[in-house]
Amino acid sequence: MKWAALGATVGDWETGDLVGATLVSARAVSIDSDDESEDRLVFETAHGDVWQWYHAQDCCEVVWIEDVCGHLDDLVGQPILLAEEVISTKSRDAPGWRRQSGDRERGEPGDTWTFYKFATIKGSVTVRWMGESNGYYSERVNLRVERCDRVGDEE
C-alpha cells in the first residue's frame, strides 16, 4: 500500500482521537540545540500517521517531560483503548490546585502539570509534562498530527 502525506494539522486533533489506532512506534525524545532543548512524545500509527506532543517554546516559560510511568512499548501492536489528557495548574502564590490553566489570573506565576494517559490490552503509560512560566506565557503541550492517506496498491 502506498501512502501520501495529507499534511500536518495543529489544533484540530485531541488526544482522545487516538483511541482505536494501532501504533507501530512510541517514543519520547529530547531535541537539544545550542541554547535550548525540546521534549517530544512521538507516536506512529499503522496507517502512517505521526502524532507529536510538544511545546512551542516562546520566551519566559519552560515545558518538559518530567516522567514516563510504564513502558511505551506496551502501546505498540495493539489498538489504543485509552488516550486522555488531564491538566492541573497551581499558582505559586495561592494554596491548592486549580483544575484548568485558565483558572489562573494572567500574569500570575504558576506551574502546569499535563498528564497523558494511554492504554492497550498490553499495559498502560502515563506521561507527565511539567510547565513553568511567569504567568504571561503558555505552559500548554501542543499536539501535531501528520496524516497519511492510502493512494493505491504497491506494485
N, C-alpha and C. Protein backbone atom coordinates (compact mmCIF):
# COMPACT_ATOMS: atom_id res chain seq x y z
N MET A 1 0.84 -1.18 0.00
CA MET A 1 0.00 0.00 0.00
C MET A 1 0.89 1.23 0.00
N LYS A 2 0.61 2.20 -0.86
CA LYS A 2 1.33 3.47 -0.87
C LYS A 2 0.59 4.46 0.01
N TRP A 3 1.33 5.39 0.59
CA TRP A 3 0.74 6.39 1.46
C TRP A 3 1.14 7.77 0.95
N ALA A 4 0.26 8.70 1.04
CA ALA A 4 0.55 10.09 0.68
C ALA A 4 0.29 10.96 1.89
N ALA A 5 1.24 11.81 2.19
CA ALA A 5 1.08 12.70 3.33
C ALA A 5 -0.01 13.72 3.04
N LEU A 6 -0.94 13.88 3.97
CA LEU A 6 -2.01 14.87 3.83
C LEU A 6 -1.62 16.20 4.47
N GLY A 7 -0.49 16.21 5.16
CA GLY A 7 -0.03 17.43 5.81
C GLY A 7 -0.28 17.39 7.30
N ALA A 8 0.33 18.33 7.97
CA ALA A 8 0.22 18.40 9.42
C ALA A 8 -0.91 19.34 9.81
N THR A 9 -1.58 18.99 10.85
CA THR A 9 -2.60 19.87 11.41
C THR A 9 -2.31 20.06 12.89
N VAL A 10 -2.50 21.27 13.35
CA VAL A 10 -2.31 21.59 14.76
C VAL A 10 -3.64 22.15 15.26
N GLY A 11 -4.13 21.61 16.36
CA GLY A 11 -5.32 22.15 16.97
C GLY A 11 -6.62 21.48 16.56
N ASP A 12 -6.62 20.75 15.46
CA ASP A 12 -7.83 20.07 15.01
C ASP A 12 -8.00 18.71 15.68
N TRP A 13 -7.00 18.24 16.34
CA TRP A 13 -6.99 16.90 16.92
C TRP A 13 -6.92 17.00 18.43
N GLU A 14 -7.49 15.99 19.07
CA GLU A 14 -7.38 15.85 20.52
C GLU A 14 -6.77 14.49 20.81
N THR A 15 -6.15 14.36 21.95
CA THR A 15 -5.51 13.11 22.33
C THR A 15 -6.48 11.94 22.24
N GLY A 16 -7.73 12.14 22.64
CA GLY A 16 -8.74 11.08 22.62
C GLY A 16 -9.02 10.53 21.23
N ASP A 17 -8.69 11.30 20.18
CA ASP A 17 -8.90 10.84 18.81
C ASP A 17 -7.99 9.66 18.46
N LEU A 18 -7.02 9.38 19.28
CA LEU A 18 -6.10 8.27 19.04
C LEU A 18 -6.71 6.91 19.38
N VAL A 19 -7.79 6.90 20.16
CA VAL A 19 -8.42 5.63 20.57
C VAL A 19 -8.82 4.84 19.32
N GLY A 20 -8.45 3.55 19.32
CA GLY A 20 -8.75 2.66 18.20
C GLY A 20 -7.59 2.49 17.25
N ALA A 21 -6.64 3.42 17.26
CA ALA A 21 -5.48 3.32 16.38
C ALA A 21 -4.50 2.28 16.93
N THR A 22 -3.75 1.67 16.04
CA THR A 22 -2.69 0.74 16.44
C THR A 22 -1.35 1.40 16.13
N LEU A 23 -0.49 1.47 17.13
CA LEU A 23 0.82 2.10 16.96
C LEU A 23 1.85 1.11 16.47
N VAL A 24 2.78 1.60 15.64
CA VAL A 24 3.94 0.80 15.25
C VAL A 24 5.20 1.30 15.96
N SER A 25 5.13 2.51 16.52
CA SER A 25 6.23 3.00 17.35
C SER A 25 5.71 4.05 18.32
N ALA A 26 6.36 4.12 19.47
CA ALA A 26 6.04 5.11 20.51
C ALA A 26 7.34 5.45 21.21
N ARG A 27 7.68 6.73 21.22
CA ARG A 27 8.94 7.11 21.85
C ARG A 27 8.87 8.53 22.41
N ALA A 28 9.66 8.77 23.42
CA ALA A 28 9.85 10.10 23.98
C ALA A 28 11.26 10.52 23.57
N VAL A 29 11.38 11.71 22.99
CA VAL A 29 12.68 12.18 22.50
C VAL A 29 12.95 13.58 23.04
N SER A 30 14.22 13.88 23.17
CA SER A 30 14.65 15.22 23.56
C SER A 30 15.55 15.74 22.46
N ILE A 31 15.19 16.89 21.91
CA ILE A 31 15.96 17.52 20.85
C ILE A 31 16.73 18.65 21.47
N ASP A 32 18.06 18.55 21.44
CA ASP A 32 18.91 19.57 22.05
C ASP A 32 19.57 20.43 20.99
N SER A 33 19.55 21.75 21.22
CA SER A 33 20.29 22.68 20.37
C SER A 33 21.25 23.43 21.27
N ASP A 34 21.94 24.41 20.72
CA ASP A 34 22.95 25.13 21.48
C ASP A 34 22.40 25.83 22.72
N ASP A 35 21.19 26.40 22.60
CA ASP A 35 20.69 27.21 23.70
C ASP A 35 19.42 26.69 24.36
N GLU A 36 18.86 25.59 23.86
CA GLU A 36 17.65 25.07 24.49
C GLU A 36 17.44 23.61 24.09
N SER A 37 16.52 22.98 24.79
CA SER A 37 16.14 21.61 24.43
C SER A 37 14.62 21.54 24.35
N GLU A 38 14.14 20.56 23.62
CA GLU A 38 12.70 20.40 23.44
C GLU A 38 12.36 18.93 23.56
N ASP A 39 11.41 18.62 24.42
CA ASP A 39 10.94 17.25 24.56
C ASP A 39 9.76 17.02 23.63
N ARG A 40 9.67 15.80 23.11
CA ARG A 40 8.54 15.41 22.26
C ARG A 40 8.14 13.99 22.60
N LEU A 41 6.85 13.75 22.50
CA LEU A 41 6.30 12.41 22.58
C LEU A 41 5.81 12.11 21.16
N VAL A 42 6.32 11.04 20.55
CA VAL A 42 6.05 10.77 19.13
C VAL A 42 5.49 9.36 18.97
N PHE A 43 4.30 9.28 18.37
CA PHE A 43 3.65 8.01 18.06
C PHE A 43 3.47 7.91 16.55
N GLU A 44 3.72 6.73 16.00
CA GLU A 44 3.41 6.48 14.59
C GLU A 44 2.40 5.35 14.53
N THR A 45 1.33 5.56 13.76
CA THR A 45 0.27 4.55 13.66
C THR A 45 0.54 3.60 12.49
N ALA A 46 -0.18 2.50 12.48
CA ALA A 46 -0.08 1.52 11.40
C ALA A 46 -0.50 2.12 10.07
N HIS A 47 -1.27 3.19 10.07
CA HIS A 47 -1.70 3.87 8.84
C HIS A 47 -0.69 4.90 8.37
N GLY A 48 0.41 5.07 9.11
CA GLY A 48 1.44 6.03 8.71
C GLY A 48 1.28 7.42 9.30
N ASP A 49 0.24 7.63 10.10
CA ASP A 49 0.06 8.93 10.75
C ASP A 49 1.10 9.10 11.86
N VAL A 50 1.58 10.32 12.04
CA VAL A 50 2.53 10.62 13.10
C VAL A 50 1.89 11.64 14.05
N TRP A 51 1.80 11.26 15.32
CA TRP A 51 1.26 12.12 16.37
C TRP A 51 2.42 12.61 17.21
N GLN A 52 2.53 13.94 17.38
CA GLN A 52 3.61 14.50 18.18
C GLN A 52 3.05 15.46 19.22
N TRP A 53 3.39 15.22 20.46
CA TRP A 53 3.09 16.14 21.54
C TRP A 53 4.38 16.88 21.84
N TYR A 54 4.29 18.20 21.95
CA TYR A 54 5.48 19.04 22.14
C TYR A 54 5.03 20.37 22.72
N HIS A 55 5.99 21.23 23.05
CA HIS A 55 5.66 22.58 23.47
C HIS A 55 6.39 23.55 22.56
N ALA A 56 5.65 24.49 21.97
CA ALA A 56 6.25 25.53 21.13
C ALA A 56 6.82 26.60 22.06
N GLN A 57 8.13 26.54 22.27
CA GLN A 57 8.81 27.42 23.21
C GLN A 57 8.70 28.88 22.77
N ASP A 58 8.45 29.76 23.75
CA ASP A 58 8.38 31.18 23.47
C ASP A 58 9.50 31.88 24.23
N CYS A 59 9.17 32.64 25.23
CA CYS A 59 10.16 33.46 25.89
C CYS A 59 10.45 33.02 27.33
N CYS A 60 9.45 33.18 28.15
CA CYS A 60 9.66 33.10 29.60
C CYS A 60 8.91 31.93 30.22
N GLU A 61 9.00 30.78 29.55
CA GLU A 61 8.39 29.58 30.08
C GLU A 61 9.26 28.40 29.68
N VAL A 62 9.05 27.31 30.37
CA VAL A 62 9.75 26.08 30.03
C VAL A 62 8.78 24.93 30.28
N VAL A 63 8.75 23.98 29.35
CA VAL A 63 7.85 22.83 29.44
C VAL A 63 8.65 21.60 29.04
N TRP A 64 8.57 20.55 29.84
CA TRP A 64 9.36 19.35 29.56
C TRP A 64 8.63 18.10 30.04
N ILE A 65 9.09 16.94 29.53
CA ILE A 65 8.58 15.66 30.02
C ILE A 65 9.29 15.36 31.33
N GLU A 66 8.53 15.34 32.39
CA GLU A 66 9.07 15.10 33.73
C GLU A 66 9.24 13.61 34.01
N ASP A 67 8.28 12.80 33.51
CA ASP A 67 8.30 11.39 33.88
C ASP A 67 7.46 10.57 32.89
N VAL A 68 7.90 9.36 32.64
CA VAL A 68 7.10 8.39 31.88
C VAL A 68 6.91 7.19 32.79
N CYS A 69 5.67 6.94 33.19
CA CYS A 69 5.35 5.82 34.07
C CYS A 69 4.76 4.70 33.22
N GLY A 70 5.45 3.59 33.14
CA GLY A 70 5.05 2.48 32.28
C GLY A 70 6.04 2.34 31.14
N HIS A 71 5.77 1.42 30.25
CA HIS A 71 6.66 1.14 29.11
C HIS A 71 5.97 1.53 27.82
N LEU A 72 6.56 2.47 27.08
CA LEU A 72 5.96 2.89 25.82
C LEU A 72 5.78 1.73 24.85
N ASP A 73 6.62 0.69 24.95
CA ASP A 73 6.48 -0.49 24.09
C ASP A 73 5.14 -1.20 24.31
N ASP A 74 4.54 -1.03 25.48
CA ASP A 74 3.22 -1.64 25.74
C ASP A 74 2.11 -1.04 24.87
N LEU A 75 2.39 0.12 24.26
CA LEU A 75 1.39 0.78 23.43
C LEU A 75 1.48 0.36 21.96
N VAL A 76 2.49 -0.43 21.63
CA VAL A 76 2.75 -0.81 20.23
C VAL A 76 2.13 -2.17 19.92
N GLY A 77 1.47 -2.25 18.75
CA GLY A 77 1.00 -3.54 18.25
C GLY A 77 -0.42 -3.92 18.63
N GLN A 78 -1.07 -3.16 19.49
CA GLN A 78 -2.45 -3.42 19.90
C GLN A 78 -3.23 -2.11 19.81
N PRO A 79 -4.52 -2.16 19.57
CA PRO A 79 -5.31 -0.92 19.50
C PRO A 79 -5.26 -0.14 20.82
N ILE A 80 -5.22 1.17 20.68
CA ILE A 80 -5.26 2.06 21.84
C ILE A 80 -6.68 2.04 22.41
N LEU A 81 -6.79 1.70 23.69
CA LEU A 81 -8.09 1.63 24.37
C LEU A 81 -8.39 2.90 25.16
N LEU A 82 -7.34 3.59 25.61
CA LEU A 82 -7.48 4.81 26.40
C LEU A 82 -6.46 5.82 25.91
N ALA A 83 -6.89 7.03 25.67
CA ALA A 83 -6.00 8.14 25.33
C ALA A 83 -6.65 9.40 25.86
N GLU A 84 -6.08 9.96 26.92
CA GLU A 84 -6.70 11.16 27.51
C GLU A 84 -5.65 12.11 28.05
N GLU A 85 -6.06 13.37 28.14
CA GLU A 85 -5.23 14.44 28.67
C GLU A 85 -5.88 14.97 29.94
N VAL A 86 -5.08 15.15 30.99
CA VAL A 86 -5.56 15.73 32.24
C VAL A 86 -4.60 16.85 32.60
N ILE A 87 -5.16 18.04 32.85
CA ILE A 87 -4.34 19.22 33.13
C ILE A 87 -4.64 19.70 34.54
N SER A 88 -3.59 20.03 35.27
CA SER A 88 -3.73 20.56 36.61
C SER A 88 -2.76 21.72 36.77
N THR A 89 -3.25 22.84 37.27
CA THR A 89 -2.38 24.00 37.44
C THR A 89 -2.35 24.42 38.89
N LYS A 90 -1.26 25.09 39.24
CA LYS A 90 -1.09 25.59 40.60
C LYS A 90 -0.45 26.96 40.54
N SER A 91 -1.04 27.91 41.21
CA SER A 91 -0.43 29.22 41.33
C SER A 91 0.63 29.14 42.41
N ARG A 92 1.74 29.76 42.18
CA ARG A 92 2.79 29.76 43.20
C ARG A 92 2.42 30.64 44.39
N ASP A 93 1.45 31.52 44.18
CA ASP A 93 1.07 32.46 45.24
C ASP A 93 -0.20 32.08 45.97
N ALA A 94 -0.88 31.03 45.51
CA ALA A 94 -2.15 30.65 46.15
C ALA A 94 -2.11 29.17 46.52
N PRO A 95 -2.65 28.80 47.68
CA PRO A 95 -2.65 27.40 48.07
C PRO A 95 -3.63 26.58 47.23
N GLY A 96 -3.30 25.31 47.07
CA GLY A 96 -4.23 24.40 46.40
C GLY A 96 -4.04 24.34 44.90
N TRP A 97 -4.66 23.34 44.32
CA TRP A 97 -4.57 23.12 42.89
C TRP A 97 -5.77 23.70 42.18
N ARG A 98 -5.59 24.11 40.97
CA ARG A 98 -6.66 24.60 40.12
C ARG A 98 -6.93 23.56 39.05
N ARG A 99 -8.14 23.54 38.53
CA ARG A 99 -8.49 22.50 37.57
C ARG A 99 -8.02 22.78 36.15
N GLN A 100 -7.98 24.03 35.73
CA GLN A 100 -7.59 24.32 34.36
C GLN A 100 -6.68 25.54 34.35
N SER A 101 -5.82 25.58 33.34
CA SER A 101 -4.86 26.67 33.27
C SER A 101 -5.55 28.03 33.20
N GLY A 102 -6.76 28.10 32.66
CA GLY A 102 -7.49 29.34 32.58
C GLY A 102 -7.95 29.87 33.92
N ASP A 103 -7.87 29.06 34.97
CA ASP A 103 -8.29 29.50 36.30
C ASP A 103 -7.33 30.52 36.89
N ARG A 104 -6.08 30.48 36.47
CA ARG A 104 -5.08 31.38 37.00
C ARG A 104 -5.22 32.74 36.33
N GLU A 105 -5.01 33.79 37.07
CA GLU A 105 -5.06 35.13 36.51
C GLU A 105 -3.85 35.34 35.60
N ARG A 106 -4.05 36.08 34.50
CA ARG A 106 -2.94 36.38 33.59
C ARG A 106 -1.87 37.13 34.36
N GLY A 107 -0.64 36.70 34.20
CA GLY A 107 0.48 37.34 34.88
C GLY A 107 0.80 36.74 36.22
N GLU A 108 -0.02 35.80 36.69
CA GLU A 108 0.23 35.15 37.96
C GLU A 108 1.16 33.96 37.73
N PRO A 109 2.37 33.98 38.31
CA PRO A 109 3.30 32.86 38.09
C PRO A 109 2.69 31.54 38.53
N GLY A 110 3.04 30.48 37.84
CA GLY A 110 2.48 29.20 38.22
C GLY A 110 3.12 28.03 37.51
N ASP A 111 2.59 26.87 37.81
CA ASP A 111 3.05 25.61 37.24
C ASP A 111 1.86 24.90 36.62
N THR A 112 2.11 24.17 35.56
CA THR A 112 1.07 23.35 34.94
C THR A 112 1.60 21.94 34.78
N TRP A 113 0.86 20.99 35.32
CA TRP A 113 1.14 19.57 35.10
C TRP A 113 0.16 19.08 34.05
N THR A 114 0.67 18.44 33.01
CA THR A 114 -0.20 17.85 32.00
C THR A 114 0.11 16.36 31.95
N PHE A 115 -0.90 15.56 32.17
CA PHE A 115 -0.75 14.11 32.17
C PHE A 115 -1.42 13.55 30.92
N TYR A 116 -0.71 12.68 30.22
CA TYR A 116 -1.29 11.96 29.10
C TYR A 116 -1.34 10.50 29.49
N LYS A 117 -2.54 9.94 29.45
CA LYS A 117 -2.74 8.54 29.84
C LYS A 117 -3.12 7.74 28.60
N PHE A 118 -2.38 6.66 28.38
CA PHE A 118 -2.61 5.78 27.24
C PHE A 118 -2.67 4.35 27.73
N ALA A 119 -3.47 3.50 27.06
CA ALA A 119 -3.54 2.09 27.44
C ALA A 119 -3.90 1.23 26.24
N THR A 120 -3.35 0.03 26.24
CA THR A 120 -3.74 -1.05 25.34
C THR A 120 -4.00 -2.26 26.22
N ILE A 121 -4.33 -3.37 25.61
CA ILE A 121 -4.53 -4.60 26.37
C ILE A 121 -3.21 -5.07 27.01
N LYS A 122 -2.07 -4.61 26.48
CA LYS A 122 -0.75 -4.99 26.99
C LYS A 122 -0.33 -4.22 28.24
N GLY A 123 -0.86 -3.02 28.42
CA GLY A 123 -0.45 -2.22 29.57
C GLY A 123 -0.82 -0.76 29.39
N SER A 124 -0.44 0.05 30.38
CA SER A 124 -0.76 1.48 30.33
C SER A 124 0.49 2.31 30.58
N VAL A 125 0.42 3.55 30.11
CA VAL A 125 1.52 4.50 30.24
C VAL A 125 0.93 5.85 30.60
N THR A 126 1.57 6.53 31.55
CA THR A 126 1.23 7.92 31.87
C THR A 126 2.47 8.76 31.64
N VAL A 127 2.34 9.77 30.80
CA VAL A 127 3.44 10.69 30.52
C VAL A 127 3.11 12.00 31.22
N ARG A 128 4.01 12.42 32.10
CA ARG A 128 3.78 13.63 32.90
C ARG A 128 4.67 14.76 32.38
N TRP A 129 4.03 15.83 31.92
CA TRP A 129 4.73 17.02 31.47
C TRP A 129 4.66 18.07 32.58
N MET A 130 5.70 18.87 32.71
CA MET A 130 5.74 19.96 33.67
C MET A 130 5.98 21.25 32.92
N GLY A 131 5.21 22.30 33.24
CA GLY A 131 5.41 23.61 32.64
C GLY A 131 5.49 24.67 33.70
N GLU A 132 6.43 25.59 33.52
CA GLU A 132 6.58 26.72 34.44
C GLU A 132 6.67 28.00 33.62
N SER A 133 6.06 29.07 34.14
CA SER A 133 6.17 30.35 33.45
C SER A 133 5.98 31.49 34.43
N ASN A 134 6.18 32.70 33.90
CA ASN A 134 5.95 33.89 34.71
C ASN A 134 4.47 34.27 34.73
N GLY A 135 3.65 33.49 34.03
CA GLY A 135 2.22 33.73 34.02
C GLY A 135 1.70 34.38 32.75
N TYR A 136 2.60 34.90 31.93
CA TYR A 136 2.18 35.54 30.69
C TYR A 136 2.35 34.63 29.48
N TYR A 137 3.02 33.51 29.64
CA TYR A 137 3.31 32.62 28.52
C TYR A 137 2.66 31.26 28.75
N SER A 138 2.28 30.62 27.68
CA SER A 138 1.60 29.33 27.75
C SER A 138 2.52 28.23 28.25
N GLU A 139 1.97 27.39 29.08
CA GLU A 139 2.67 26.19 29.56
C GLU A 139 2.02 24.96 28.94
N ARG A 140 1.26 25.16 27.92
CA ARG A 140 0.45 24.13 27.28
C ARG A 140 1.30 23.21 26.40
N VAL A 141 0.93 21.94 26.37
CA VAL A 141 1.54 20.98 25.46
C VAL A 141 0.70 21.00 24.18
N ASN A 142 1.38 21.09 23.04
CA ASN A 142 0.71 21.13 21.74
C ASN A 142 0.67 19.74 21.13
N LEU A 143 -0.32 19.51 20.28
CA LEU A 143 -0.44 18.25 19.55
C LEU A 143 -0.42 18.56 18.06
N ARG A 144 0.46 17.87 17.35
CA ARG A 144 0.57 18.00 15.90
C ARG A 144 0.36 16.60 15.32
N VAL A 145 -0.53 16.49 14.34
CA VAL A 145 -0.81 15.21 13.70
C VAL A 145 -0.51 15.33 12.21
N GLU A 146 0.38 14.48 11.73
CA GLU A 146 0.67 14.42 10.30
C GLU A 146 -0.08 13.22 9.76
N ARG A 147 -1.11 13.51 8.99
CA ARG A 147 -1.99 12.46 8.47
C ARG A 147 -1.47 11.92 7.15
N CYS A 148 -1.65 10.63 6.94
CA CYS A 148 -1.33 9.99 5.68
C CYS A 148 -2.59 9.31 5.17
N ASP A 149 -2.68 9.13 3.87
CA ASP A 149 -3.85 8.52 3.27
C ASP A 149 -3.39 7.49 2.24
N ARG A 150 -4.14 6.43 2.10
CA ARG A 150 -3.83 5.40 1.11
C ARG A 150 -4.10 5.97 -0.29
N VAL A 151 -3.16 5.72 -1.21
CA VAL A 151 -3.35 6.22 -2.58
C VAL A 151 -3.40 5.09 -3.60
N GLY A 152 -3.23 3.86 -3.19
CA GLY A 152 -3.31 2.75 -4.15
C GLY A 152 -2.41 1.62 -3.73
N ASP A 153 -2.47 0.52 -4.46
CA ASP A 153 -1.66 -0.65 -4.12
C ASP A 153 -0.24 -0.49 -4.64
N GLU A 154 0.70 -0.98 -3.86
CA GLU A 154 2.09 -1.00 -4.29
C GLU A 154 2.31 -2.12 -5.27
N GLU A 155 3.09 -1.88 -6.26
CA GLU A 155 3.36 -2.90 -7.27
C GLU A 155 4.51 -3.76 -6.83
